Amino acid sequence: MQKPDHLRAPLARDLCDAWDAPVFSSYGATEFETAFCECSAQQGGHVHPELMLTEIVDDAGNVLPDGEPGEVVVTPLGVEGFPLVRFRTGDIARLHAGHCSCGWQTPRLGAIEGRLAQRLKYKGTTLYPEMIFHVLQEIKSVETCYVEVRSAADQTDEVRVVVGSDAAVDTKEITDFLQARLRVCPEVHVKDKPSVVQVMEAAGGRKLQRFFDFR
């Protein structure tokens, strides 16, 4: 079954295409005591209400309607030594309560769309770096990329996307694609792949850094 776009991460799609095999995602943390795992229908990670209560909330802690993006808040029901009530994960996602073709009736958690601490305000639109990365993964000529954000004089965010590729890249194609998918288009710069990777490596750490917050 073709997985809906709002539940399918671009990387999972690329792995499916490359391996010609299904790829299943899961999401969890030590504090959860359990995890959200996809079923055979691959329509999001099923919630196990007997193990954990799951909510999607706004900044004030109010529960959001089905399908609205917000912070994932969980209450594990089996933790005895150090119980947690409404544990705020800092991750942004959506709950989907519609019927799943596998037969389960529990809500499903969609893909993690970003981190609350990395939220960007750009031209009146809320963005998360992960949203930008997901869109760029759909452009074959983009081999690597990172995002820089700085504070503007009007207290909004200035967002700069740096794309690395050794192939010919059409900057306008990237700009138009970002505009179509995100409704806004950050400033886009194209450089050779080695110089972009060098910046990402210079930040240190086990993984290449893809988000630089200079606010």
N, C-alpha and C. Protein backbone atom coordinates (compact mmCIF):
# COMPACT_ATOMS: atom_id res chain seq x y z
N MET A 1 0.84 -1.20 0.00
CA MET A 1 0.00 0.00 0.00
C MET A 1 0.88 1.25 0.00
N GLN A 2 0.52 2.21 -0.85
CA GLN A 2 1.28 3.46 -0.90
C GLN A 2 1.03 4.26 0.37
N LYS A 3 2.09 4.64 1.02
CA LYS A 3 1.97 5.37 2.27
C LYS A 3 1.65 6.83 2.00
N PRO A 4 0.65 7.45 2.68
CA PRO A 4 0.33 8.86 2.48
C PRO A 4 1.54 9.75 2.72
N ASP A 5 1.65 10.85 1.96
CA ASP A 5 2.82 11.73 2.04
C ASP A 5 3.04 12.27 3.44
N HIS A 6 1.94 12.59 4.18
CA HIS A 6 2.11 13.19 5.50
C HIS A 6 2.55 12.18 6.56
N LEU A 7 2.57 10.89 6.20
CA LEU A 7 3.02 9.87 7.13
C LEU A 7 4.32 9.22 6.70
N ARG A 8 4.81 9.60 5.55
CA ARG A 8 5.97 8.91 4.99
C ARG A 8 7.17 9.86 4.89
N ALA A 9 8.24 9.56 5.59
CA ALA A 9 9.46 10.37 5.52
C ALA A 9 10.16 10.12 4.19
N PRO A 10 10.73 11.16 3.56
CA PRO A 10 11.41 10.97 2.28
C PRO A 10 12.53 9.94 2.33
N LEU A 11 13.26 9.89 3.45
CA LEU A 11 14.34 8.91 3.55
C LEU A 11 13.79 7.50 3.48
N ALA A 12 12.67 7.24 4.14
CA ALA A 12 12.06 5.91 4.08
C ALA A 12 11.66 5.56 2.66
N ARG A 13 11.11 6.53 1.95
CA ARG A 13 10.72 6.30 0.55
C ARG A 13 11.94 5.95 -0.30
N ASP A 14 13.04 6.69 -0.09
CA ASP A 14 14.25 6.43 -0.87
C ASP A 14 14.82 5.05 -0.57
N LEU A 15 14.78 4.64 0.70
CA LEU A 15 15.28 3.31 1.06
C LEU A 15 14.42 2.21 0.44
N CYS A 16 13.10 2.44 0.43
CA CYS A 16 12.20 1.47 -0.20
C CYS A 16 12.52 1.33 -1.69
N ASP A 17 12.76 2.46 -2.35
CA ASP A 17 13.05 2.44 -3.78
C ASP A 17 14.40 1.77 -4.05
N ALA A 18 15.39 2.05 -3.20
CA ALA A 18 16.74 1.52 -3.43
C ALA A 18 16.82 0.03 -3.16
N TRP A 19 16.14 -0.43 -2.14
CA TRP A 19 16.24 -1.84 -1.74
C TRP A 19 15.10 -2.70 -2.28
N ASP A 20 14.07 -2.02 -2.82
CA ASP A 20 12.88 -2.74 -3.28
C ASP A 20 12.33 -3.62 -2.16
N ALA A 21 12.27 -3.03 -0.97
CA ALA A 21 11.81 -3.75 0.21
C ALA A 21 11.13 -2.75 1.15
N PRO A 22 10.16 -3.21 1.94
CA PRO A 22 9.48 -2.28 2.86
C PRO A 22 10.39 -1.84 3.99
N VAL A 23 10.24 -0.59 4.41
CA VAL A 23 11.00 -0.03 5.52
C VAL A 23 10.00 0.45 6.55
N PHE A 24 10.15 0.00 7.80
CA PHE A 24 9.23 0.37 8.87
C PHE A 24 9.95 1.28 9.86
N SER A 25 9.23 2.28 10.34
CA SER A 25 9.81 3.23 11.28
C SER A 25 9.24 3.02 12.67
N SER A 26 10.02 3.46 13.67
CA SER A 26 9.56 3.43 15.06
C SER A 26 10.07 4.68 15.75
N TYR A 27 9.42 5.06 16.82
CA TYR A 27 9.79 6.25 17.57
C TYR A 27 9.58 5.96 19.05
N GLY A 28 10.60 6.24 19.83
CA GLY A 28 10.47 5.98 21.26
C GLY A 28 11.58 6.66 22.04
N ALA A 29 11.53 6.53 23.35
CA ALA A 29 12.54 7.06 24.25
C ALA A 29 12.52 6.23 25.52
N THR A 30 13.60 6.28 26.28
CA THR A 30 13.68 5.52 27.52
C THR A 30 12.52 5.84 28.45
N GLU A 31 12.12 7.13 28.49
CA GLU A 31 11.06 7.55 29.40
C GLU A 31 9.70 6.96 29.02
N PHE A 32 9.52 6.57 27.75
CA PHE A 32 8.22 6.10 27.29
C PHE A 32 7.88 4.71 27.84
N GLU A 33 8.88 3.88 28.04
CA GLU A 33 8.73 2.48 28.41
C GLU A 33 8.23 1.63 27.24
N THR A 34 7.79 2.27 26.17
CA THR A 34 7.34 1.56 24.98
C THR A 34 7.68 2.42 23.77
N ALA A 35 7.17 2.09 22.60
CA ALA A 35 7.49 2.83 21.39
C ALA A 35 6.29 2.86 20.46
N PHE A 36 6.30 3.78 19.52
CA PHE A 36 5.31 3.85 18.45
C PHE A 36 5.92 3.15 17.24
N CYS A 37 5.32 2.07 16.82
CA CYS A 37 5.87 1.30 15.70
C CYS A 37 4.82 1.18 14.59
N GLU A 38 5.31 1.22 13.37
CA GLU A 38 4.42 1.05 12.23
C GLU A 38 3.95 -0.40 12.11
N CYS A 39 2.73 -0.57 11.62
CA CYS A 39 2.23 -1.90 11.31
C CYS A 39 2.49 -2.19 9.83
N SER A 40 1.92 -3.27 9.32
CA SER A 40 2.16 -3.64 7.92
C SER A 40 1.59 -2.62 6.95
N ALA A 41 0.61 -1.81 7.39
CA ALA A 41 0.01 -0.80 6.51
C ALA A 41 0.89 0.43 6.35
N GLN A 42 1.87 0.61 7.25
CA GLN A 42 2.80 1.74 7.21
C GLN A 42 2.07 3.09 7.14
N GLN A 43 1.12 3.27 8.04
CA GLN A 43 0.35 4.51 8.08
C GLN A 43 0.54 5.24 9.41
N GLY A 44 1.75 5.19 9.94
CA GLY A 44 2.07 5.85 11.19
C GLY A 44 2.28 4.85 12.31
N GLY A 45 2.89 5.31 13.41
CA GLY A 45 3.17 4.45 14.55
C GLY A 45 1.97 4.34 15.47
N HIS A 46 1.48 3.14 15.69
CA HIS A 46 0.28 2.95 16.51
C HIS A 46 0.54 3.28 17.97
N VAL A 47 -0.44 3.96 18.58
CA VAL A 47 -0.42 4.24 20.01
C VAL A 47 -0.94 3.00 20.75
N HIS A 48 -0.29 2.67 21.87
CA HIS A 48 -0.73 1.57 22.73
C HIS A 48 -1.34 2.19 23.99
N PRO A 49 -2.66 2.45 23.99
CA PRO A 49 -3.27 3.18 25.11
C PRO A 49 -3.21 2.45 26.44
N GLU A 50 -3.02 1.13 26.42
CA GLU A 50 -2.90 0.40 27.68
C GLU A 50 -1.52 0.59 28.31
N LEU A 51 -0.57 1.11 27.53
CA LEU A 51 0.79 1.32 28.02
C LEU A 51 1.13 2.80 28.21
N MET A 52 0.46 3.67 27.44
CA MET A 52 0.87 5.06 27.46
C MET A 52 -0.24 5.95 26.91
N LEU A 53 -0.50 7.06 27.58
CA LEU A 53 -1.42 8.07 27.06
C LEU A 53 -0.62 9.04 26.21
N THR A 54 -1.15 9.42 25.06
CA THR A 54 -0.43 10.27 24.12
C THR A 54 -1.29 11.47 23.74
N GLU A 55 -0.69 12.66 23.81
CA GLU A 55 -1.39 13.89 23.45
C GLU A 55 -0.50 14.73 22.53
N ILE A 56 -1.15 15.54 21.71
CA ILE A 56 -0.45 16.56 20.92
C ILE A 56 -0.95 17.91 21.42
N VAL A 57 -0.04 18.75 21.90
CA VAL A 57 -0.46 19.99 22.56
C VAL A 57 0.19 21.21 21.91
N ASP A 58 -0.43 22.38 22.16
CA ASP A 58 0.14 23.64 21.70
C ASP A 58 1.09 24.19 22.76
N ASP A 59 1.56 25.41 22.56
CA ASP A 59 2.54 25.99 23.49
C ASP A 59 2.00 26.14 24.90
N ALA A 60 0.68 26.30 25.02
CA ALA A 60 0.07 26.49 26.34
C ALA A 60 -0.31 25.17 27.00
N GLY A 61 -0.05 24.05 26.32
CA GLY A 61 -0.39 22.75 26.87
C GLY A 61 -1.79 22.28 26.55
N ASN A 62 -2.50 23.01 25.67
CA ASN A 62 -3.86 22.62 25.28
C ASN A 62 -3.81 21.52 24.22
N VAL A 63 -4.66 20.53 24.36
CA VAL A 63 -4.70 19.41 23.41
C VAL A 63 -5.23 19.90 22.07
N LEU A 64 -4.53 19.53 21.00
CA LEU A 64 -4.89 19.96 19.65
C LEU A 64 -5.76 18.92 18.95
N PRO A 65 -6.56 19.35 17.98
CA PRO A 65 -7.42 18.41 17.24
C PRO A 65 -6.60 17.42 16.42
N ASP A 66 -7.25 16.36 16.02
CA ASP A 66 -6.64 15.33 15.19
C ASP A 66 -6.05 15.94 13.93
N GLY A 67 -4.81 15.57 13.63
CA GLY A 67 -4.16 16.03 12.41
C GLY A 67 -3.42 17.34 12.52
N GLU A 68 -3.54 18.04 13.66
CA GLU A 68 -2.83 19.31 13.84
C GLU A 68 -1.44 19.06 14.42
N PRO A 69 -0.41 19.77 13.92
CA PRO A 69 0.94 19.56 14.46
C PRO A 69 1.13 20.22 15.80
N GLY A 70 1.83 19.55 16.69
CA GLY A 70 2.12 20.11 18.00
C GLY A 70 3.12 19.24 18.73
N GLU A 71 3.39 19.57 19.99
CA GLU A 71 4.39 18.83 20.75
C GLU A 71 3.81 17.50 21.24
N VAL A 72 4.62 16.46 21.13
CA VAL A 72 4.21 15.13 21.60
C VAL A 72 4.38 15.09 23.13
N VAL A 73 3.29 14.78 23.81
CA VAL A 73 3.28 14.67 25.28
C VAL A 73 2.80 13.28 25.65
N VAL A 74 3.54 12.58 26.49
CA VAL A 74 3.20 11.20 26.82
C VAL A 74 3.12 11.02 28.34
N THR A 75 2.26 10.09 28.76
CA THR A 75 2.15 9.68 30.16
C THR A 75 2.27 8.16 30.21
N PRO A 76 3.46 7.63 30.51
CA PRO A 76 3.62 6.17 30.60
C PRO A 76 2.82 5.64 31.79
N LEU A 77 2.14 4.52 31.60
CA LEU A 77 1.27 3.98 32.65
C LEU A 77 1.92 2.87 33.46
N GLY A 78 3.07 2.36 33.01
CA GLY A 78 3.67 1.22 33.71
C GLY A 78 4.91 1.55 34.51
N VAL A 79 5.33 2.81 34.53
CA VAL A 79 6.53 3.20 35.26
C VAL A 79 6.19 3.38 36.74
N GLU A 80 6.87 2.65 37.60
CA GLU A 80 6.56 2.70 39.04
C GLU A 80 7.63 3.45 39.84
N GLY A 81 8.90 3.27 39.51
CA GLY A 81 9.96 3.88 40.31
C GLY A 81 10.06 5.38 40.14
N PHE A 82 9.78 5.86 38.94
CA PHE A 82 9.89 7.29 38.66
C PHE A 82 8.78 7.66 37.68
N PRO A 83 7.52 7.70 38.14
CA PRO A 83 6.39 7.95 37.24
C PRO A 83 6.45 9.35 36.61
N LEU A 84 6.00 9.42 35.38
CA LEU A 84 5.97 10.68 34.64
C LEU A 84 4.53 10.98 34.25
N VAL A 85 4.12 12.23 34.42
CA VAL A 85 2.79 12.67 34.02
C VAL A 85 2.93 13.79 33.00
N ARG A 86 2.37 13.57 31.81
CA ARG A 86 2.42 14.54 30.72
C ARG A 86 3.87 14.98 30.44
N PHE A 87 4.70 14.02 30.17
CA PHE A 87 6.11 14.27 29.84
C PHE A 87 6.21 14.93 28.47
N ARG A 88 6.81 16.10 28.42
CA ARG A 88 6.93 16.87 27.18
C ARG A 88 8.22 16.46 26.46
N THR A 89 8.07 15.95 25.27
CA THR A 89 9.22 15.41 24.55
C THR A 89 10.02 16.46 23.80
N GLY A 90 9.38 17.59 23.45
CA GLY A 90 10.05 18.59 22.62
C GLY A 90 9.98 18.27 21.14
N ASP A 91 9.38 17.13 20.77
CA ASP A 91 9.25 16.73 19.38
C ASP A 91 7.89 17.16 18.83
N ILE A 92 7.86 17.52 17.54
CA ILE A 92 6.64 17.96 16.88
C ILE A 92 6.14 16.87 15.95
N ALA A 93 4.86 16.52 16.09
CA ALA A 93 4.25 15.50 15.24
C ALA A 93 2.74 15.70 15.25
N ARG A 94 2.02 14.77 14.58
CA ARG A 94 0.56 14.82 14.52
C ARG A 94 -0.01 13.45 14.88
N LEU A 95 -1.18 13.45 15.49
CA LEU A 95 -1.91 12.21 15.73
C LEU A 95 -2.99 12.05 14.67
N HIS A 96 -3.16 10.84 14.18
CA HIS A 96 -4.18 10.54 13.17
C HIS A 96 -5.10 9.45 13.71
N ALA A 97 -6.37 9.80 13.85
CA ALA A 97 -7.31 8.88 14.49
C ALA A 97 -8.16 8.10 13.49
N GLY A 98 -7.94 8.31 12.20
CA GLY A 98 -8.73 7.60 11.20
C GLY A 98 -8.46 6.11 11.20
N HIS A 99 -9.35 5.37 10.53
CA HIS A 99 -9.24 3.92 10.48
C HIS A 99 -7.96 3.49 9.77
N CYS A 100 -7.26 2.52 10.34
CA CYS A 100 -6.06 1.97 9.72
C CYS A 100 -6.44 0.67 9.01
N SER A 101 -5.91 0.47 7.82
CA SER A 101 -6.29 -0.70 7.02
C SER A 101 -5.84 -2.02 7.65
N CYS A 102 -4.95 -1.97 8.67
CA CYS A 102 -4.51 -3.20 9.32
C CYS A 102 -5.60 -3.75 10.25
N GLY A 103 -6.59 -2.92 10.57
CA GLY A 103 -7.66 -3.35 11.45
C GLY A 103 -7.61 -2.75 12.85
N TRP A 104 -6.45 -2.24 13.25
CA TRP A 104 -6.34 -1.62 14.58
C TRP A 104 -7.15 -0.33 14.61
N GLN A 105 -7.71 -0.03 15.77
CA GLN A 105 -8.53 1.17 15.93
C GLN A 105 -7.82 2.27 16.73
N THR A 106 -6.58 2.04 17.13
CA THR A 106 -5.87 3.04 17.94
C THR A 106 -5.34 4.17 17.06
N PRO A 107 -5.18 5.37 17.63
CA PRO A 107 -4.59 6.48 16.88
C PRO A 107 -3.16 6.14 16.45
N ARG A 108 -2.68 6.87 15.45
CA ARG A 108 -1.32 6.66 14.96
C ARG A 108 -0.56 7.98 14.99
N LEU A 109 0.71 7.89 15.35
CA LEU A 109 1.58 9.06 15.40
C LEU A 109 2.31 9.19 14.07
N GLY A 110 2.23 10.37 13.46
CA GLY A 110 2.91 10.61 12.20
C GLY A 110 4.40 10.83 12.41
N ALA A 111 5.09 11.09 11.32
CA ALA A 111 6.55 11.30 11.37
C ALA A 111 6.88 12.53 12.23
N ILE A 112 8.04 12.49 12.89
CA ILE A 112 8.51 13.64 13.67
C ILE A 112 8.90 14.74 12.69
N GLU A 113 8.26 15.89 12.82
CA GLU A 113 8.45 16.99 11.87
C GLU A 113 9.50 17.99 12.31
N GLY A 114 9.94 17.93 13.56
CA GLY A 114 10.95 18.87 14.02
C GLY A 114 11.04 18.88 15.53
N ARG A 115 11.92 19.74 16.03
CA ARG A 115 12.10 19.93 17.46
C ARG A 115 11.57 21.30 17.84
N LEU A 116 10.87 21.36 18.98
CA LEU A 116 10.28 22.61 19.43
C LEU A 116 11.35 23.70 19.57
N ALA A 117 12.53 23.34 20.06
CA ALA A 117 13.60 24.32 20.27
C ALA A 117 14.15 24.85 18.95
N GLN A 118 13.87 24.16 17.84
CA GLN A 118 14.39 24.58 16.54
C GLN A 118 13.32 25.27 15.69
N ARG A 119 12.21 25.63 16.30
CA ARG A 119 11.12 26.25 15.54
C ARG A 119 11.57 27.59 14.96
N LEU A 120 11.22 27.82 13.70
CA LEU A 120 11.58 29.04 13.01
C LEU A 120 10.33 29.82 12.64
N LYS A 121 10.40 31.14 12.75
CA LYS A 121 9.33 32.01 12.29
C LYS A 121 9.85 32.77 11.08
N TYR A 122 9.30 32.44 9.90
CA TYR A 122 9.82 33.03 8.67
C TYR A 122 8.67 33.51 7.81
N LYS A 123 8.59 34.82 7.62
CA LYS A 123 7.57 35.45 6.79
C LYS A 123 6.17 35.01 7.19
N GLY A 124 5.94 34.98 8.51
CA GLY A 124 4.64 34.65 9.02
C GLY A 124 4.31 33.17 9.04
N THR A 125 5.27 32.33 8.68
CA THR A 125 5.05 30.88 8.63
C THR A 125 5.96 30.18 9.62
N THR A 126 5.43 29.18 10.31
CA THR A 126 6.23 28.37 11.22
C THR A 126 6.91 27.26 10.44
N LEU A 127 8.23 27.16 10.59
CA LEU A 127 9.02 26.14 9.91
C LEU A 127 9.88 25.40 10.93
N TYR A 128 10.25 24.19 10.58
CA TYR A 128 11.24 23.43 11.33
C TYR A 128 12.31 22.98 10.33
N PRO A 129 13.58 23.00 10.73
CA PRO A 129 14.64 22.57 9.81
C PRO A 129 14.36 21.22 9.15
N GLU A 130 13.77 20.30 9.92
CA GLU A 130 13.51 18.97 9.37
C GLU A 130 12.56 19.03 8.19
N MET A 131 11.63 19.99 8.21
CA MET A 131 10.72 20.15 7.08
C MET A 131 11.49 20.54 5.82
N ILE A 132 12.48 21.42 5.98
CA ILE A 132 13.29 21.83 4.84
C ILE A 132 14.11 20.66 4.32
N PHE A 133 14.70 19.89 5.25
CA PHE A 133 15.51 18.74 4.84
C PHE A 133 14.66 17.71 4.09
N HIS A 134 13.44 17.47 4.55
CA HIS A 134 12.56 16.50 3.90
C HIS A 134 12.26 16.92 2.47
N VAL A 135 12.03 18.22 2.27
CA VAL A 135 11.73 18.71 0.91
C VAL A 135 12.96 18.56 0.01
N LEU A 136 14.13 18.93 0.53
CA LEU A 136 15.35 18.87 -0.28
C LEU A 136 15.73 17.43 -0.63
N GLN A 137 15.34 16.47 0.20
CA GLN A 137 15.63 15.06 -0.09
C GLN A 137 14.90 14.60 -1.35
N GLU A 138 13.87 15.32 -1.74
CA GLU A 138 13.12 14.95 -2.93
C GLU A 138 13.77 15.45 -4.21
N ILE A 139 14.79 16.28 -4.09
CA ILE A 139 15.48 16.82 -5.27
C ILE A 139 16.77 16.02 -5.47
N LYS A 140 16.84 15.26 -6.53
CA LYS A 140 17.95 14.33 -6.75
C LYS A 140 19.30 15.02 -6.85
N SER A 141 19.34 16.24 -7.35
CA SER A 141 20.62 16.93 -7.55
C SER A 141 21.21 17.43 -6.24
N VAL A 142 20.41 17.51 -5.17
CA VAL A 142 20.90 17.97 -3.87
C VAL A 142 21.55 16.79 -3.15
N GLU A 143 22.86 16.85 -2.95
CA GLU A 143 23.59 15.74 -2.33
C GLU A 143 23.73 15.91 -0.82
N THR A 144 23.80 17.14 -0.37
CA THR A 144 23.87 17.42 1.07
C THR A 144 23.45 18.86 1.29
N CYS A 145 23.17 19.22 2.53
CA CYS A 145 22.71 20.59 2.80
C CYS A 145 22.73 20.87 4.29
N TYR A 146 22.72 22.14 4.63
CA TYR A 146 22.51 22.56 6.02
C TYR A 146 21.74 23.86 6.03
N VAL A 147 21.22 24.20 7.21
CA VAL A 147 20.40 25.40 7.38
C VAL A 147 21.01 26.28 8.44
N GLU A 148 21.08 27.57 8.16
CA GLU A 148 21.54 28.58 9.12
C GLU A 148 20.37 29.50 9.45
N VAL A 149 20.26 29.91 10.71
CA VAL A 149 19.22 30.87 11.09
C VAL A 149 19.84 31.95 11.98
N ARG A 150 19.44 33.19 11.70
CA ARG A 150 19.89 34.35 12.47
C ARG A 150 18.68 35.23 12.79
N SER A 151 18.80 36.05 13.81
CA SER A 151 17.71 36.94 14.18
C SER A 151 17.74 38.19 13.32
N ALA A 152 16.58 38.55 12.77
CA ALA A 152 16.46 39.78 12.00
C ALA A 152 16.11 40.94 12.93
N ALA A 153 16.19 42.17 12.40
CA ALA A 153 15.93 43.35 13.21
C ALA A 153 14.50 43.40 13.72
N ASP A 154 13.56 42.79 12.99
CA ASP A 154 12.15 42.81 13.40
C ASP A 154 11.78 41.62 14.27
N GLN A 155 12.79 40.92 14.82
CA GLN A 155 12.61 39.78 15.72
C GLN A 155 12.12 38.51 15.01
N THR A 156 12.07 38.54 13.69
CA THR A 156 11.78 37.31 12.96
C THR A 156 13.10 36.60 12.67
N ASP A 157 13.03 35.47 12.00
CA ASP A 157 14.23 34.69 11.70
C ASP A 157 14.65 34.84 10.25
N GLU A 158 15.94 34.99 10.04
CA GLU A 158 16.51 34.97 8.70
C GLU A 158 17.03 33.55 8.46
N VAL A 159 16.49 32.89 7.45
CA VAL A 159 16.81 31.49 7.19
C VAL A 159 17.60 31.38 5.89
N ARG A 160 18.71 30.69 5.98
CA ARG A 160 19.59 30.51 4.82
C ARG A 160 19.83 29.01 4.62
N VAL A 161 19.54 28.53 3.43
CA VAL A 161 19.74 27.12 3.09
C VAL A 161 20.96 27.00 2.20
N VAL A 162 21.94 26.20 2.63
CA VAL A 162 23.17 25.99 1.85
C VAL A 162 23.14 24.57 1.30
N VAL A 163 23.16 24.47 -0.01
CA VAL A 163 23.06 23.19 -0.71
C VAL A 163 24.42 22.82 -1.28
N GLY A 164 24.81 21.57 -1.14
CA GLY A 164 26.07 21.09 -1.69
C GLY A 164 25.83 20.02 -2.74
N SER A 165 26.51 20.16 -3.87
CA SER A 165 26.39 19.17 -4.95
C SER A 165 27.55 19.31 -5.90
N ASP A 166 28.02 18.17 -6.40
CA ASP A 166 29.06 18.17 -7.42
C ASP A 166 28.47 18.15 -8.81
N ALA A 167 27.16 18.01 -8.89
CA ALA A 167 26.46 18.03 -10.18
C ALA A 167 25.90 19.42 -10.43
N ALA A 168 25.43 19.62 -11.65
CA ALA A 168 24.82 20.90 -11.99
C ALA A 168 23.50 21.04 -11.23
N VAL A 169 23.32 22.17 -10.57
CA VAL A 169 22.13 22.40 -9.76
C VAL A 169 21.44 23.66 -10.25
N ASP A 170 20.14 23.55 -10.45
CA ASP A 170 19.32 24.70 -10.85
C ASP A 170 18.78 25.35 -9.59
N THR A 171 19.37 26.49 -9.22
CA THR A 171 18.95 27.18 -8.00
C THR A 171 17.49 27.56 -8.04
N LYS A 172 17.01 28.00 -9.20
CA LYS A 172 15.60 28.38 -9.32
C LYS A 172 14.69 27.17 -9.10
N GLU A 173 15.11 26.01 -9.56
CA GLU A 173 14.30 24.80 -9.33
C GLU A 173 14.16 24.53 -7.85
N ILE A 174 15.26 24.67 -7.11
CA ILE A 174 15.21 24.45 -5.66
C ILE A 174 14.32 25.49 -5.00
N THR A 175 14.50 26.75 -5.40
CA THR A 175 13.71 27.83 -4.83
C THR A 175 12.22 27.62 -5.08
N ASP A 176 11.87 27.29 -6.31
CA ASP A 176 10.46 27.08 -6.65
C ASP A 176 9.88 25.88 -5.91
N PHE A 177 10.69 24.83 -5.74
CA PHE A 177 10.22 23.62 -5.07
C PHE A 177 9.97 23.90 -3.59
N LEU A 178 10.88 24.62 -2.96
CA LEU A 178 10.70 24.99 -1.55
C LEU A 178 9.45 25.86 -1.38
N GLN A 179 9.27 26.81 -2.29
CA GLN A 179 8.10 27.69 -2.23
C GLN A 179 6.81 26.90 -2.35
N ALA A 180 6.79 25.93 -3.25
CA ALA A 180 5.58 25.14 -3.47
C ALA A 180 5.25 24.25 -2.29
N ARG A 181 6.27 23.69 -1.65
CA ARG A 181 6.04 22.73 -0.57
C ARG A 181 5.90 23.39 0.79
N LEU A 182 6.61 24.52 1.01
CA LEU A 182 6.62 25.15 2.33
C LEU A 182 5.80 26.43 2.39
N ARG A 183 5.37 26.93 1.22
CA ARG A 183 4.62 28.19 1.08
C ARG A 183 5.51 29.42 1.23
N VAL A 184 6.74 29.24 1.66
CA VAL A 184 7.72 30.32 1.71
C VAL A 184 9.05 29.75 1.20
N CYS A 185 9.94 30.63 0.80
CA CYS A 185 11.23 30.15 0.31
C CYS A 185 12.38 30.87 1.01
N PRO A 186 13.15 30.16 1.83
CA PRO A 186 14.34 30.78 2.44
C PRO A 186 15.38 31.12 1.37
N GLU A 187 16.36 31.87 1.76
CA GLU A 187 17.48 32.21 0.88
C GLU A 187 18.28 30.94 0.59
N VAL A 188 18.55 30.68 -0.69
CA VAL A 188 19.22 29.45 -1.09
C VAL A 188 20.59 29.77 -1.69
N HIS A 189 21.64 29.06 -1.21
CA HIS A 189 22.99 29.19 -1.76
C HIS A 189 23.47 27.80 -2.18
N VAL A 190 24.07 27.71 -3.34
CA VAL A 190 24.58 26.43 -3.84
C VAL A 190 26.10 26.48 -3.87
N LYS A 191 26.74 25.45 -3.27
CA LYS A 191 28.19 25.35 -3.24
C LYS A 191 28.60 23.94 -3.64
N ASP A 192 29.90 23.73 -3.83
CA ASP A 192 30.37 22.39 -4.12
C ASP A 192 30.24 21.53 -2.86
N LYS A 193 30.04 20.25 -3.05
CA LYS A 193 29.76 19.35 -1.94
C LYS A 193 30.88 19.32 -0.90
N PRO A 194 32.17 19.24 -1.27
CA PRO A 194 33.23 19.18 -0.25
C PRO A 194 33.23 20.37 0.71
N SER A 195 32.99 21.57 0.18
CA SER A 195 33.02 22.75 1.05
C SER A 195 31.84 22.75 2.02
N VAL A 196 30.70 22.24 1.59
CA VAL A 196 29.54 22.16 2.46
C VAL A 196 29.77 21.11 3.55
N VAL A 197 30.29 19.96 3.16
CA VAL A 197 30.58 18.90 4.13
C VAL A 197 31.62 19.37 5.15
N GLN A 198 32.59 20.16 4.71
CA GLN A 198 33.63 20.66 5.61
C GLN A 198 33.02 21.51 6.72
N VAL A 199 32.06 22.36 6.38
CA VAL A 199 31.39 23.18 7.39
C VAL A 199 30.62 22.30 8.36
N MET A 200 29.95 21.28 7.85
CA MET A 200 29.15 20.39 8.69
C MET A 200 30.04 19.56 9.61
N GLU A 201 31.22 19.19 9.15
CA GLU A 201 32.15 18.41 9.96
C GLU A 201 32.84 19.26 11.01
N ALA A 202 33.07 20.55 10.69
CA ALA A 202 33.81 21.44 11.60
C ALA A 202 33.08 21.65 12.91
N ALA A 203 31.76 21.43 12.92
CA ALA A 203 30.99 21.62 14.15
C ALA A 203 31.29 20.55 15.18
N GLY A 204 31.96 19.47 14.76
CA GLY A 204 32.28 18.38 15.68
C GLY A 204 31.09 17.48 15.92
N GLY A 205 31.29 16.51 16.78
CA GLY A 205 30.21 15.58 17.09
C GLY A 205 30.27 14.33 16.24
N ARG A 206 29.45 13.37 16.60
CA ARG A 206 29.44 12.08 15.92
C ARG A 206 28.79 12.17 14.55
N LYS A 207 27.82 13.05 14.41
CA LYS A 207 27.11 13.21 13.15
C LYS A 207 27.41 14.56 12.54
N LEU A 208 27.24 14.65 11.21
CA LEU A 208 27.38 15.92 10.54
C LEU A 208 26.27 16.86 11.02
N GLN A 209 26.65 18.09 11.38
CA GLN A 209 25.65 19.04 11.84
C GLN A 209 24.95 19.67 10.65
N ARG A 210 23.63 19.68 10.71
CA ARG A 210 22.84 20.20 9.59
C ARG A 210 22.07 21.47 9.94
N PHE A 211 22.04 21.84 11.23
CA PHE A 211 21.31 23.03 11.64
C PHE A 211 22.21 23.90 12.50
N PHE A 212 22.39 25.17 12.09
CA PHE A 212 23.23 26.12 12.80
C PHE A 212 22.36 27.28 13.27
N ASP A 213 22.17 27.37 14.57
CA ASP A 213 21.32 28.39 15.16
C ASP A 213 22.17 29.51 15.72
N PHE A 214 22.18 30.67 15.03
CA PHE A 214 22.99 31.80 15.47
C PHE A 214 22.12 32.91 16.09
N ARG A 215 20.92 32.56 16.54
CA ARG A 215 20.05 33.57 17.12
C ARG A 215 20.51 33.97 18.53
